[in-house]
PDB file of N, CA and C in Angstrom:
ATOM      1  N   MET A   1     110.799  78.873 128.258  1.00  0.00           N
ATOM      2  CA  MET A   1     110.938  77.626 128.950  1.00  0.00           C
ATOM      3  C   MET A   1     109.545  77.018 129.116  1.00  0.00           C
ATOM      4  N   ASN A   2     109.387  75.705 128.858  1.00  0.00           N
ATOM      5  CA  ASN A   2     108.113  75.007 128.995  1.00  0.00           C
ATOM      6  C   ASN A   2     108.091  74.245 130.301  1.00  0.00           C
ATOM      7  N   ASP A   3     106.930  74.261 130.976  1.00  0.00           N
ATOM      8  CA  ASP A   3     106.816  73.466 132.199  1.00  0.00           C
ATOM      9  C   ASP A   3     106.127  72.144 131.874  1.00  0.00           C
ATOM     10  N   ALA A   4     105.806  71.343 132.897  1.00  0.00           N
ATOM     11  CA  ALA A   4     105.221  70.021 132.703  1.00  0.00           C
ATOM     12  C   ALA A   4     103.864  70.084 132.009  1.00  0.00           C
ATOM     13  N   GLU A   5     103.147  71.205 132.165  1.00  0.00           N
ATOM     14  CA  GLU A   5     101.824  71.335 131.555  1.00  0.00           C
ATOM     15  C   GLU A   5     101.890  71.883 130.132  1.00  0.00           C
ATOM     16  N   GLY A   6     103.092  72.200 129.651  1.00  0.00           N
ATOM     17  CA  GLY A   6     103.258  72.700 128.290  1.00  0.00           C
ATOM     18  C   GLY A   6     103.073  74.191 128.149  1.00  0.00           C
ATOM     19  N   THR A   7     102.937  74.917 129.265  1.00  0.00           N
ATOM     20  CA  THR A   7     102.812  76.365 129.184  1.00  0.00           C
ATOM     21  C   THR A   7     104.199  76.987 129.115  1.00  0.00           C
ATOM     22  N   THR A   8     104.279  78.152 128.557  1.00  0.00           N
ATOM     23  CA  THR A   8     105.557  78.824 128.390  1.00  0.00           C
ATOM     24  C   THR A   8     105.717  79.903 129.447  1.00  0.00           C
ATOM     25  N   ALA A   9     106.875  79.911 130.083  1.00  0.00           N
ATOM     26  CA  ALA A   9     107.194  80.937 131.073  1.00  0.00           C
ATOM     27  C   ALA A   9     108.483  81.616 130.633  1.00  0.00           C
ATOM     28  N   PRO A  10     108.651  82.896 130.965  1.00  0.00           N
ATOM     29  CA  PRO A  10     109.883  83.572 130.576  1.00  0.00           C
ATOM     30  C   PRO A  10     111.097  82.904 131.217  1.00  0.00           C
ATOM     31  N   LYS A  11     112.157  82.863 130.455  1.00  0.00           N
ATOM     32  CA  LYS A  11     113.406  82.302 130.944  1.00  0.00           C
ATOM     33  C   LYS A  11     114.086  83.330 131.841  1.00  0.00           C
ATOM     34  N   PRO A  12     114.666  82.921 132.971  1.00  0.00           N
ATOM     35  CA  PRO A  12     115.377  83.887 133.806  1.00  0.00           C
ATOM     36  C   PRO A  12     116.590  84.458 133.062  1.00  0.00           C
ATOM     37  N   GLU A  13     116.901  85.724 133.309  1.00  0.00           N
ATOM     38  CA  GLU A  13     118.013  86.378 132.605  1.00  0.00           C
ATOM     39  C   GLU A  13     119.322  85.632 132.775  1.00  0.00           C
ATOM     40  N   SER A  14     119.495  84.978 133.890  1.00  0.00           N
ATOM     41  CA  SER A  14     120.746  84.244 134.126  1.00  0.00           C
ATOM     42  C   SER A  14     120.927  83.095 133.138  1.00  0.00           C
ATOM     43  N   GLN A  15     119.832  82.665 132.487  1.00  0.00           N
ATOM     44  CA  GLN A  15     119.912  81.563 131.525  1.00  0.00           C
ATOM     45  C   GLN A  15     119.912  82.042 130.076  1.00  0.00           C
ATOM     46  N   PHE A  16     119.947  83.338 129.857  1.00  0.00           N
ATOM     47  CA  PHE A  16     119.951  83.877 128.496  1.00  0.00           C
ATOM     48  C   PHE A  16     121.228  83.472 127.764  1.00  0.00           C
ATOM     49  N   THR A  17     121.045  83.077 126.515  1.00  0.00           N
ATOM     50  CA  THR A  17     122.197  82.831 125.647  1.00  0.00           C
ATOM     51  C   THR A  17     122.527  84.133 124.934  1.00  0.00           C
ATOM     52  N   GLU A  18     123.634  84.148 124.219  1.00  0.00           N
ATOM     53  CA  GLU A  18     124.000  85.336 123.443  1.00  0.00           C
ATOM     54  C   GLU A  18     122.923  85.622 122.388  1.00  0.00           C
ATOM     55  N   GLU A  19     122.367  84.563 121.811  1.00  0.00           N
ATOM     56  CA  GLU A  19     121.293  84.721 120.817  1.00  0.00           C
ATOM     57  C   GLU A  19     120.054  85.355 121.458  1.00  0.00           C
ATOM     58  N   ASP A  20     119.724  84.935 122.678  1.00  0.00           N
ATOM     59  CA  ASP A  20     118.582  85.521 123.397  1.00  0.00           C
ATOM     60  C   ASP A  20     118.801  87.010 123.620  1.00  0.00           C
ATOM     61  N   ARG A  21     120.018  87.386 124.015  1.00  0.00           N
ATOM     62  CA  ARG A  21     120.334  88.798 124.266  1.00  0.00           C
ATOM     63  C   ARG A  21     120.243  89.616 122.982  1.00  0.00           C
ATOM     64  N   GLU A  22     120.704  89.047 121.875  1.00  0.00           N
ATOM     65  CA  GLU A  22     120.620  89.742 120.582  1.00  0.00           C
ATOM     66  C   GLU A  22     119.166  89.947 120.171  1.00  0.00           C
ATOM     67  N   LYS A  23     118.338  88.912 120.349  1.00  0.00           N
ATOM     68  CA  LYS A  23     116.917  89.031 120.010  1.00  0.00           C
ATOM     69  C   LYS A  23     116.239  90.100 120.867  1.00  0.00           C
ATOM     70  N   LEU A  24     116.586  90.113 122.148  1.00  0.00           N
ATOM     71  CA  LEU A  24     116.033  91.104 123.064  1.00  0.00           C
ATOM     72  C   LEU A  24     116.450  92.513 122.659  1.00  0.00           C
ATOM     73  N   ASP A  25     117.695  92.654 122.232  1.00  0.00           N
ATOM     74  CA  ASP A  25     118.207  93.954 121.798  1.00  0.00           C
ATOM     75  C   ASP A  25     117.492  94.425 120.523  1.00  0.00           C
ATOM     76  N   VAL A  26     117.338  93.525 119.559  1.00  0.00           N
ATOM     77  CA  VAL A  26     116.650  93.861 118.304  1.00  0.00           C
ATOM     78  C   VAL A  26     115.197  94.233 118.590  1.00  0.00           C
ATOM     79  N   ASP A  27     114.551  93.467 119.481  1.00  0.00           N
ATOM     80  CA  ASP A  27     113.156  93.767 119.824  1.00  0.00           C
ATOM     81  C   ASP A  27     113.051  95.130 120.492  1.00  0.00           C
ATOM     82  N   GLY A  28     113.987  95.434 121.378  1.00  0.00           N
ATOM     83  CA  GLY A  28     113.980  96.738 122.050  1.00  0.00           C
ATOM     84  C   GLY A  28     114.123  97.880 121.061  1.00  0.00           C
ATOM     85  N   LYS A  29     115.011  97.698 120.070  1.00  0.00           N
ATOM     86  CA  LYS A  29     115.190  98.723 119.036  1.00  0.00           C
ATOM     87  C   LYS A  29     113.931  98.866 118.190  1.00  0.00           C
ATOM     88  N   ALA A  30     113.315  97.736 117.834  1.00  0.00           N
ATOM     89  CA  ALA A  30     112.084  97.778 117.035  1.00  0.00           C
ATOM     90  C   ALA A  30     110.963  98.461 117.808  1.00  0.00           C
ATOM     91  N   LEU A  31     110.856  98.158 119.088  1.00  0.00           N
ATOM     92  CA  LEU A  31     109.825  98.768 119.922  1.00  0.00           C
ATOM     93  C   LEU A  31     110.039 100.280 120.020  1.00  0.00           C
ATOM     94  N   ALA A  32     111.284 100.691 120.222  1.00  0.00           N
ATOM     95  CA  ALA A  32     111.597 102.123 120.293  1.00  0.00           C
ATOM     96  C   ALA A  32     111.299 102.814 118.966  1.00  0.00           C
ATOM     97  N   MET A  33     111.608 102.141 117.867  1.00  0.00           N
ATOM     98  CA  MET A  33     111.361 102.714 116.545  1.00  0.00           C
ATOM     99  C   MET A  33     109.861 102.895 116.309  1.00  0.00           C
ATOM    100  N   LEU A  34     109.076 101.896 116.689  1.00  0.00           N
ATOM    101  CA  LEU A  34     107.627 102.007 116.535  1.00  0.00           C
ATOM    102  C   LEU A  34     107.079 103.147 117.387  1.00  0.00           C
ATOM    103  N   HIS A  35     107.534 103.239 118.640  1.00  0.00           N
ATOM    104  CA  HIS A  35     107.081 104.329 119.509  1.00  0.00           C
ATOM    105  C   HIS A  35     107.414 105.691 118.907  1.00  0.00           C
ATOM    106  N   SER A  36     108.623 105.826 118.364  1.00  0.00           N
ATOM    107  CA  SER A  36     109.033 107.130 117.827  1.00  0.00           C
ATOM    108  C   SER A  36     108.306 107.482 116.534  1.00  0.00           C
ATOM    109  N   ALA A  37     107.816 106.468 115.816  1.00  0.00           N
ATOM    110  CA  ALA A  37     107.135 106.718 114.545  1.00  0.00           C
ATOM    111  C   ALA A  37     105.665 107.086 114.723  1.00  0.00           C
ATOM    112  N   LEU A  38     105.114 106.799 115.895  1.00  0.00           N
ATOM    113  CA  LEU A  38     103.689 107.018 116.106  1.00  0.00           C
ATOM    114  C   LEU A  38     103.404 108.418 116.647  1.00  0.00           C
ATOM    115  N   ALA A  39     102.286 108.951 116.239  1.00  0.00           N
ATOM    116  CA  ALA A  39     101.822 110.215 116.810  1.00  0.00           C
ATOM    117  C   ALA A  39     101.521 109.972 118.287  1.00  0.00           C
ATOM    118  N   ARG A  40     101.671 111.013 119.092  1.00  0.00           N
ATOM    119  CA  ARG A  40     101.520 110.887 120.545  1.00  0.00           C
ATOM    120  C   ARG A  40     100.184 110.262 120.943  1.00  0.00           C
ATOM    121  N   GLU A  41      99.095 110.697 120.304  1.00  0.00           N
ATOM    122  CA  GLU A  41      97.776 110.187 120.681  1.00  0.00           C
ATOM    123  C   GLU A  41      97.602 108.713 120.328  1.00  0.00           C
ATOM    124  N   ILE A  42      98.339 108.220 119.348  1.00  0.00           N
ATOM    125  CA  ILE A  42      98.290 106.792 119.008  1.00  0.00           C
ATOM    126  C   ILE A  42      99.204 106.014 119.946  1.00  0.00           C
ATOM    127  N   ASP A  43     100.389 106.569 120.194  1.00  0.00           N
ATOM    128  CA  ASP A  43     101.379 105.918 121.044  1.00  0.00           C
ATOM    129  C   ASP A  43     100.827 105.659 122.444  1.00  0.00           C
ATOM    130  N   ILE A  44     100.029 106.573 122.947  1.00  0.00           N
ATOM    131  CA  ILE A  44      99.449 106.410 124.288  1.00  0.00           C
ATOM    132  C   ILE A  44      98.637 105.113 124.361  1.00  0.00           C
ATOM    133  N   GLY A  45      97.966 104.769 123.280  1.00  0.00           N
ATOM    134  CA  GLY A  45      97.125 103.569 123.268  1.00  0.00           C
ATOM    135  C   GLY A  45      97.897 102.264 123.231  1.00  0.00           C
ATOM    136  N   VAL A  46      99.185 102.306 122.883  1.00  0.00           N
ATOM    137  CA  VAL A  46      99.975 101.068 122.798  1.00  0.00           C
ATOM    138  C   VAL A  46     101.199 101.113 123.716  1.00  0.00           C
ATOM    139  N   ARG A  47     101.220 102.058 124.611  1.00  0.00           N
ATOM    140  CA  ARG A  47     102.368 102.245 125.495  1.00  0.00           C
ATOM    141  C   ARG A  47     102.621 101.038 126.397  1.00  0.00           C
ATOM    142  N   ASP A  48     101.581 100.285 126.742  1.00  0.00           N
ATOM    143  CA  ASP A  48     101.726  99.154 127.662  1.00  0.00           C
ATOM    144  C   ASP A  48     102.258  97.886 126.988  1.00  0.00           C
ATOM    145  N   CYS A  49     102.429  97.896 125.678  1.00  0.00           N
ATOM    146  CA  CYS A  49     102.928  96.707 124.982  1.00  0.00           C
ATOM    147  C   CYS A  49     104.353  96.399 125.431  1.00  0.00           C
ATOM    148  N   LYS A  50     104.607  95.122 125.668  1.00  0.00           N
ATOM    149  CA  LYS A  50     105.895  94.699 126.225  1.00  0.00           C
ATOM    150  C   LYS A  50     106.964  94.449 125.154  1.00  0.00           C
ATOM    151  N   ASN A  51     106.536  94.165 123.913  1.00  0.00           N
ATOM    152  CA  ASN A  51     107.510  93.914 122.850  1.00  0.00           C
ATOM    153  C   ASN A  51     106.945  94.411 121.520  1.00  0.00           C
ATOM    154  N   ALA A  52     107.809  94.416 120.509  1.00  0.00           N
ATOM    155  CA  ALA A  52     107.433  94.963 119.207  1.00  0.00           C
ATOM    156  C   ALA A  52     106.297  94.162 118.559  1.00  0.00           C
ATOM    157  N   LYS A  53     106.338  92.854 118.698  1.00  0.00           N
ATOM    158  CA  LYS A  53     105.285  92.026 118.089  1.00  0.00           C
ATOM    159  C   LYS A  53     103.928  92.337 118.710  1.00  0.00           C
ATOM    160  N   GLU A  54     103.906  92.453 120.040  1.00  0.00           N
ATOM    161  CA  GLU A  54     102.654  92.772 120.738  1.00  0.00           C
ATOM    162  C   GLU A  54     102.127  94.137 120.292  1.00  0.00           C
ATOM    163  N   MET A  55     103.039  95.108 120.134  1.00  0.00           N
ATOM    164  CA  MET A  55     102.620  96.442 119.699  1.00  0.00           C
ATOM    165  C   MET A  55     102.099  96.394 118.263  1.00  0.00           C
ATOM    166  N   TRP A  56     102.792  95.685 117.397  1.00  0.00           N
ATOM    167  CA  TRP A  56     102.375  95.590 115.999  1.00  0.00           C
ATOM    168  C   TRP A  56     100.980  94.969 115.906  1.00  0.00           C
ATOM    169  N   GLU A  57     100.732  93.908 116.660  1.00  0.00           N
ATOM    170  CA  GLU A  57      99.421  93.259 116.636  1.00  0.00           C
ATOM    171  C   GLU A  57      98.333  94.190 117.182  1.00  0.00           C
ATOM    172  N   ALA A  58      98.669  94.975 118.201  1.00  0.00           N
ATOM    173  CA  ALA A  58      97.705  95.939 118.746  1.00  0.00           C
ATOM    174  C   ALA A  58      97.376  97.009 117.703  1.00  0.00           C
ATOM    175  N   LEU A  59      98.387  97.479 116.981  1.00  0.00           N
ATOM    176  CA  LEU A  59      98.166  98.489 115.940  1.00  0.00           C
ATOM    177  C   LEU A  59      97.325  97.922 114.803  1.00  0.00           C
ATOM    178  N   LEU A  60      97.602  96.677 114.407  1.00  0.00           N
ATOM    179  CA  LEU A  60      96.799  96.049 113.355  1.00  0.00           C
ATOM    180  C   LEU A  60      95.344  95.933 113.783  1.00  0.00           C
ATOM    181  N   ALA A  61      95.121  95.488 115.009  1.00  0.00           N
ATOM    182  CA  ALA A  61      93.747  95.351 115.504  1.00  0.00           C
ATOM    183  C   ALA A  61      93.060  96.707 115.554  1.00  0.00           C
ATOM    184  N   MET A  62      93.820  97.728 115.948  1.00  0.00           N
ATOM    185  CA  MET A  62      93.262  99.070 116.093  1.00  0.00           C
ATOM    186  C   MET A  62      92.867  99.660 114.737  1.00  0.00           C
ATOM    187  N   TYR A  63      93.688  99.433 113.720  1.00  0.00           N
ATOM    188  CA  TYR A  63      93.456 100.113 112.449  1.00  0.00           C
ATOM    189  C   TYR A  63      92.858  99.243 111.364  1.00  0.00           C
ATOM    190  N   GLU A  64      93.040  97.943 111.440  1.00  0.00           N
ATOM    191  CA  GLU A  64      92.425  97.084 110.439  1.00  0.00           C
ATOM    192  C   GLU A  64      91.090  96.547 110.921  1.00  0.00           C
ATOM    193  N   GLY A  65      90.987  96.254 112.201  1.00  0.00           N
ATOM    194  CA  GLY A  65      89.744  95.752 112.759  1.00  0.00           C
ATOM    195  C   GLY A  65      89.501  94.297 112.406  1.00  0.00           C
ATOM    196  N   ASN A  66      88.362  93.801 112.831  1.00  0.00           N
ATOM    197  CA  ASN A  66      88.006  92.413 112.535  1.00  0.00           C
ATOM    198  C   ASN A  66      87.365  92.330 111.151  1.00  0.00           C
ATOM    199  N   GLU A  67      86.977  91.128 110.741  1.00  0.00           N
ATOM    200  CA  GLU A  67      86.408  90.940 109.398  1.00  0.00           C
ATOM    201  C   GLU A  67      85.142  91.761 109.187  1.00  0.00           C
ATOM    202  N   GLU A  68      84.331  91.902 110.214  1.00  0.00           N
ATOM    203  CA  GLU A  68      83.083  92.662 110.102  1.00  0.00           C
ATOM    204  C   GLU A  68      83.375  94.133 109.795  1.00  0.00           C
ATOM    205  N   ILE A  69      84.376  94.689 110.470  1.00  0.00           N
ATOM    206  CA  ILE A  69      84.760  96.089 110.243  1.00  0.00           C
ATOM    207  C   ILE A  69      85.364  96.246 108.849  1.00  0.00           C
ATOM    208  N   LYS A  70      86.202  95.294 108.455  1.00  0.00           N
ATOM    209  CA  LYS A  70      86.808  95.353 107.116  1.00  0.00           C
ATOM    210  C   LYS A  70      85.732  95.317 106.032  1.00  0.00           C
ATOM    211  N   GLU A  71      84.743  94.440 106.201  1.00  0.00           N
ATOM    212  CA  GLU A  71      83.668  94.341 105.215  1.00  0.00           C
ATOM    213  C   GLU A  71      82.859  95.625 105.174  1.00  0.00           C
ATOM    214  N   SER A  72      82.630  96.229 106.322  1.00  0.00           N
ATOM    215  CA  SER A  72      81.911  97.496 106.385  1.00  0.00           C
ATOM    216  C   SER A  72      82.678  98.586 105.636  1.00  0.00           C
ATOM    217  N   ARG A  73      83.994  98.628 105.809  1.00  0.00           N
ATOM    218  CA  ARG A  73      84.819  99.609 105.086  1.00  0.00           C
ATOM    219  C   ARG A  73      84.754  99.378 103.584  1.00  0.00           C
ATOM    220  N   ARG A  74      84.799  98.095 103.179  1.00  0.00           N
ATOM    221  CA  ARG A  74      84.720  97.791 101.740  1.00  0.00           C
ATOM    222  C   ARG A  74      83.384  98.253 101.161  1.00  0.00           C
ATOM    223  N   GLU A  75      82.301  98.028 101.894  1.00  0.00           N
ATOM    224  CA  GLU A  75      80.982  98.463 101.428  1.00  0.00           C
ATOM    225  C   GLU A  75      80.918  99.988 101.328  1.00  0.00           C
ATOM    226  N   MET A  76      81.482 100.677 102.328  1.00  0.00           N
ATOM    227  CA  MET A  76      81.478 102.141 102.321  1.00  0.00           C
ATOM    228  C   MET A  76      82.283 102.669 101.128  1.00  0.00           C
ATOM    229  N   LEU A  77      83.447 102.070 100.870  1.00  0.00           N
ATOM    230  CA  LEU A  77      84.262 102.524  99.742  1.00  0.00           C
ATOM    231  C   LEU A  77      83.585 102.239  98.405  1.00  0.00           C
ATOM    232  N   THR A  78      82.930 101.104  98.301  1.00  0.00           N
ATOM    233  CA  THR A  78      82.196 100.783  97.069  1.00  0.00           C
ATOM    234  C   THR A  78      81.079 101.791  96.844  1.00  0.00           C
ATOM    235  N   GLN A  79      80.389 102.165  97.912  1.00  0.00           N
ATOM    236  CA  GLN A  79      79.326 103.166  97.800  1.00  0.00           C
ATOM    237  C   GLN A  79      79.909 104.527  97.404  1.00  0.00           C
ATOM    238  N   LYS A  80      81.036 104.903  98.020  1.00  0.00           N
ATOM    239  CA  LYS A  80      81.679 106.171  97.655  1.00  0.00           C
ATOM    240  C   LYS A  80      82.064 106.177  96.177  1.00  0.00           C
ATOM    241  N   PHE A  81      82.561 105.033  95.687  1.00  0.00           N
ATOM    242  CA  PHE A  81      82.924 104.930  94.277  1.00  0.00           C
ATOM    243  C   PHE A  81      81.684 105.084  93.399  1.00  0.00           C
ATOM    244  N   ASN A  82      80.625 104.398  93.751  1.00  0.00           N
ATOM    245  CA  ASN A  82      79.395 104.446  92.949  1.00  0.00           C
ATOM    246  C   ASN A  82      78.785 105.842  92.912  1.00  0.00           C
ATOM    247  N   LEU A  83      78.940 106.592  94.007  1.00  0.00           N
ATOM    248  CA  LEU A  83      78.357 107.933  94.091  1.00  0.00           C
ATOM    249  C   LEU A  83      79.332 109.039  93.691  1.00  0.00           C
ATOM    250  N   PHE A  84      80.555 108.682  93.320  1.00  0.00           N
ATOM    251  CA  PHE A  84      81.557 109.697  93.003  1.00  0.00           C
ATOM    252  C   PHE A  84      81.066 110.590  91.874  1.00  0.00           C
ATOM    253  N   ASN A  85      81.220 111.907  92.090  1.00  0.00           N
ATOM    254  CA  ASN A  85      80.803 112.870  91.079  1.00  0.00           C
ATOM    255  C   ASN A  85      81.562 114.172  91.297  1.00  0.00           C
ATOM    256  N   HIS A  86      81.383 115.078  90.395  1.00  0.00           N
ATOM    257  CA  HIS A  86      81.997 116.401  90.477  1.00  0.00           C
ATOM    258  C   HIS A  86      81.182 117.272  91.424  1.00  0.00           C
ATOM    259  N   PHE A  87      81.879 118.018  92.300  1.00  0.00           N
ATOM    260  CA  PHE A  87      81.206 118.975  93.175  1.00  0.00           C
ATOM    261  C   PHE A  87      81.165 120.322  92.481  1.00  0.00           C
ATOM    262  N   PRO A  88      80.054 121.045  92.546  1.00  0.00           N
ATOM    263  CA  PRO A  88      79.998 122.383  91.940  1.00  0.00           C
ATOM    264  C   PRO A  88      81.100 123.272  92.529  1.00  0.00           C
ATOM    265  N   GLY A  89      81.837 123.932  91.655  1.00  0.00           N
ATOM    266  CA  GLY A  89      82.910 124.834  92.084  1.00  0.00           C
ATOM    267  C   GLY A  89      84.238 124.135  92.320  1.00  0.00           C
ATOM    268  N   GLU A  90      84.270 122.821  92.244  1.00  0.00           N
ATOM    269  CA  GLU A  90      85.505 122.068  92.464  1.00  0.00           C
ATOM    270  C   GLU A  90      86.382 122.137  91.219  1.00  0.00           C
ATOM    271  N   THR A  91      87.690 122.319  91.429  1.00  0.00           N
ATOM    272  CA  THR A  91      88.590 122.328  90.272  1.00  0.00           C
ATOM    273  C   THR A  91      88.773 120.906  89.765  1.00  0.00           C
ATOM    274  N   LEU A  92      89.145 120.799  88.526  1.00  0.00           N
ATOM    275  CA  LEU A  92      89.394 119.491  87.927  1.00  0.00           C
ATOM    276  C   LEU A  92      90.534 118.791  88.668  1.00  0.00           C
ATOM    277  N   GLU A  93      91.553 119.549  89.047  1.00  0.00           N
ATOM    278  CA  GLU A  93      92.687 118.985  89.777  1.00  0.00           C
ATOM    279  C   GLU A  93      92.242 118.378  91.111  1.00  0.00           C
ATOM    280  N   ASN A  94      91.395 119.099  91.853  1.00  0.00           N
ATOM    281  CA  ASN A  94      90.907 118.574  93.128  1.00  0.00           C
ATOM    282  C   ASN A  94      90.042 117.334  92.940  1.00  0.00           C
ATOM    283  N   GLN A  95      89.230 117.338  91.905  1.00  0.00           N
ATOM    284  CA  GLN A  95      88.382 116.189  91.643  1.00  0.00           C
ATOM    285  C   GLN A  95      89.239 114.958  91.339  1.00  0.00           C
ATOM    286  N   ILE A  96      90.246 115.129  90.525  1.00  0.00           N
ATOM    287  CA  ILE A  96      91.112 114.003  90.172  1.00  0.00           C
ATOM    288  C   ILE A  96      91.894 113.526  91.396  1.00  0.00           C
ATOM    289  N   GLN A  97      92.349 114.448  92.244  1.00  0.00           N
ATOM    290  CA  GLN A  97      93.046 114.051  93.473  1.00  0.00           C
ATOM    291  C   GLN A  97      92.121 113.229  94.373  1.00  0.00           C
ATOM    292  N   ARG A  98      90.865 113.654  94.496  1.00  0.00           N
ATOM    293  CA  ARG A  98      89.894 112.901  95.290  1.00  0.00           C
ATOM    294  C   ARG A  98      89.687 111.504  94.719  1.00  0.00           C
ATOM    295  N   PHE A  99      89.608 111.447  93.396  1.00  0.00           N
ATOM    296  CA  PHE A  99      89.375 110.168  92.724  1.00  0.00           C
ATOM    297  C   PHE A  99      90.568 109.232  92.913  1.00  0.00           C
ATOM    298  N   VAL A 100      91.767 109.748  92.747  1.00  0.00           N
ATOM    299  CA  VAL A 100      92.976 108.933  92.914  1.00  0.00           C
ATOM    300  C   VAL A 100      93.067 108.418  94.357  1.00  0.00           C
ATOM    301  N   ALA A 101      92.758 109.267  95.336  1.00  0.00           N
ATOM    302  CA  ALA A 101      92.776 108.844  96.747  1.00  0.00           C
ATOM    303  C   ALA A 101      91.744 107.744  96.985  1.00  0.00           C
ATOM    304  N   LEU A 102      90.558 107.892  96.390  1.00  0.00           N
ATOM    305  CA  LEU A 102      89.511 106.888  96.535  1.00  0.00           C
ATOM    306  C   LEU A 102      89.948 105.556  95.926  1.00  0.00           C
ATOM    307  N   ILE A 103      90.509 105.598  94.736  1.00  0.00           N
ATOM    308  CA  ILE A 103      90.967 104.368  94.074  1.00  0.00           C
ATOM    309  C   ILE A 103      92.082 103.715  94.884  1.00  0.00           C
ATOM    310  N   SER A 104      92.952 104.517  95.440  1.00  0.00           N
ATOM    311  CA  SER A 104      94.034 103.989  96.283  1.00  0.00           C
ATOM    312  C   SER A 104      93.448 103.269  97.503  1.00  0.00           C
ATOM    313  N   ASP A 105      92.471 103.873  98.159  1.00  0.00           N
ATOM    314  CA  ASP A 105      91.800 103.233  99.310  1.00  0.00           C
ATOM    315  C   ASP A 105      91.112 101.938  98.883  1.00  0.00           C
ATOM    316  N   ILE A 106      90.478 101.966  97.735  1.00  0.00           N
ATOM    317  CA  ILE A 106      89.779 100.786  97.226  1.00  0.00           C
ATOM    318  C   ILE A 106      90.759  99.641  97.012  1.00  0.00           C
ATOM    319  N   LYS A 107      91.894  99.937  96.406  1.00  0.00           N
ATOM    320  CA  LYS A 107      92.901  98.891  96.167  1.00  0.00           C
ATOM    321  C   LYS A 107      93.515  98.405  97.470  1.00  0.00           C
ATOM    322  N   THR A 108      93.715  99.304  98.421  1.00  0.00           N
ATOM    323  CA  THR A 108      94.266  98.930  99.724  1.00  0.00           C
ATOM    324  C   THR A 108      93.354  97.943 100.446  1.00  0.00           C
ATOM    325  N   HIS A 109      92.048  98.077 100.232  1.00  0.00           N
ATOM    326  CA  HIS A 109      91.077  97.210 100.897  1.00  0.00           C
ATOM    327  C   HIS A 109      90.664  96.014 100.030  1.00  0.00           C
ATOM    328  N   ASP A 110      91.484  95.699  99.032  1.00  0.00           N
ATOM    329  CA  ASP A 110      91.295  94.513  98.182  1.00  0.00           C
ATOM    330  C   ASP A 110      89.957  94.451  97.469  1.00  0.00           C
ATOM    331  N   ILE A 111      89.479  95.616  97.042  1.00  0.00           N
ATOM    332  CA  ILE A 111      88.269  95.649  96.226  1.00  0.00           C
ATOM    333  C   ILE A 111      88.732  95.612  94.779  1.00  0.00           C
ATOM    334  N   LYS A 112      88.248  94.638  94.048  1.00  0.00           N
ATOM    335  CA  LYS A 112      88.684  94.461  92.662  1.00  0.00           C
ATOM    336  C   LYS A 112      87.752  95.221  91.715  1.00  0.00           C
ATOM    337  N   LEU A 113      88.340  96.123  90.938  1.00  0.00           N
ATOM    338  CA  LEU A 113      87.598  96.849  89.907  1.00  0.00           C
ATOM    339  C   LEU A 113      88.400  96.792  88.621  1.00  0.00           C
ATOM    340  N   GLU A 114      87.719  96.568  87.535  1.00  0.00           N
ATOM    341  CA  GLU A 114      88.373  96.568  86.225  1.00  0.00           C
ATOM    342  C   GLU A 114      88.795  97.987  85.871  1.00  0.00           C
ATOM    343  N   ASN A 115      89.914  98.118  85.183  1.00  0.00           N
ATOM    344  CA  ASN A 115      90.384  99.445  84.763  1.00  0.00           C
ATOM    345  C   ASN A 115      89.340 100.159  83.914  1.00  0.00           C
ATOM    346  N   SER A 116      88.620  99.411  83.093  1.00  0.00           N
ATOM    347  CA  SER A 116      87.598 100.031  82.243  1.00  0.00           C
ATOM    348  C   SER A 116      86.481 100.643  83.097  1.00  0.00           C
ATOM    349  N   VAL A 117      86.135 100.002  84.215  1.00  0.00           N
ATOM    350  CA  VAL A 117      85.092 100.510  85.111  1.00  0.00           C
ATOM    351  C   VAL A 117      85.594 101.784  85.791  1.00  0.00           C
ATOM    352  N   ILE A 118      86.845 101.769  86.214  1.00  0.00           N
ATOM    353  CA  ILE A 118      87.446 102.934  86.871  1.00  0.00           C
ATOM    354  C   ILE A 118      87.488 104.115  85.897  1.00  0.00           C
ATOM    355  N   ASN A 119      87.970 103.861  84.690  1.00  0.00           N
ATOM    356  CA  ASN A 119      88.062 104.933  83.685  1.00  0.00           C
ATOM    357  C   ASN A 119      86.696 105.502  83.337  1.00  0.00           C
ATOM    358  N   LYS A 120      85.717 104.618  83.169  1.00  0.00           N
ATOM    359  CA  LYS A 120      84.371 105.056  82.822  1.00  0.00           C
ATOM    360  C   LYS A 120      83.780 105.922  83.935  1.00  0.00           C
ATOM    361  N   LYS A 121      84.008 105.520  85.202  1.00  0.00           N
ATOM    362  CA  LYS A 121      83.487 106.293  86.335  1.00  0.00           C
ATOM    363  C   LYS A 121      84.076 107.698  86.332  1.00  0.00           C
ATOM    364  N   LEU A 122      85.400 107.817  86.137  1.00  0.00           N
ATOM    365  CA  LEU A 122      86.030 109.132  86.120  1.00  0.00           C
ATOM    366  C   LEU A 122      85.524 109.971  84.961  1.00  0.00           C
ATOM    367  N   LEU A 123      85.449 109.396  83.790  1.00  0.00           N
ATOM    368  CA  LEU A 123      84.980 110.158  82.632  1.00  0.00           C
ATOM    369  C   LEU A 123      83.539 110.637  82.811  1.00  0.00           C
ATOM    370  N   ASN A 124      82.685 109.783  83.382  1.00  0.00           N
ATOM    371  CA  ASN A 124      81.294 110.169  83.598  1.00  0.00           C
ATOM    372  C   ASN A 124      81.135 111.206  84.698  1.00  0.00           C
ATOM    373  N   ALA A 125      82.127 111.313  85.583  1.00  0.00           N
ATOM    374  CA  ALA A 125      82.054 112.258  86.704  1.00  0.00           C
ATOM    375  C   ALA A 125      82.640 113.620  86.358  1.00  0.00           C
ATOM    376  N   LEU A 126      83.277 113.736  85.205  1.00  0.00           N
ATOM    377  CA  LEU A 126      83.881 115.023  84.834  1.00  0.00           C
ATOM    378  C   LEU A 126      82.811 116.086  84.628  1.00  0.00           C
ATOM    379  N   PRO A 127      83.145 117.341  84.931  1.00  0.00           N
ATOM    380  CA  PRO A 127      82.158 118.404  84.739  1.00  0.00           C
ATOM    381  C   PRO A 127      81.770 118.540  83.252  1.00  0.00           C
ATOM    382  N   ARG A 128      80.550 118.938  83.007  1.00  0.00           N
ATOM    383  CA  ARG A 128      80.009 119.004  81.645  1.00  0.00           C
ATOM    384  C   ARG A 128      80.175 120.374  81.000  1.00  0.00           C
ATOM    385  N   ASN A 129      81.040 121.220  81.505  1.00  0.00           N
ATOM    386  CA  ASN A 129      81.189 122.602  80.971  1.00  0.00           C
ATOM    387  C   ASN A 129      81.663 122.617  79.572  1.00  0.00           C
TER     388      ASN A 129
END
């Protein structure tokens, strides 16, 4: 409900329409689902959220961060890619798993790399035995 100043105030329950009740029910289910999907230590940080949208936005802020944090993560991942190499005693399987996880993180953070660059990095990082 909007007042004369254009601010929004919650509508009293006595004025809820059937559509309002359905939306409230869906939001309650979504909120419960989000709570049940989160690990306890994460859930504690968003327990005060009043609705699913508020909780989702809090989780995004918590894990994605602002642009400065995102850029810092992209720089860190680019550096990890540039320094990627074989560890002495590491199996080929473990090295490839590490590489695939790194590439997955890189793509998740919208860092664009040509397939030829990715392939060349992996081939150059293979052990020389």
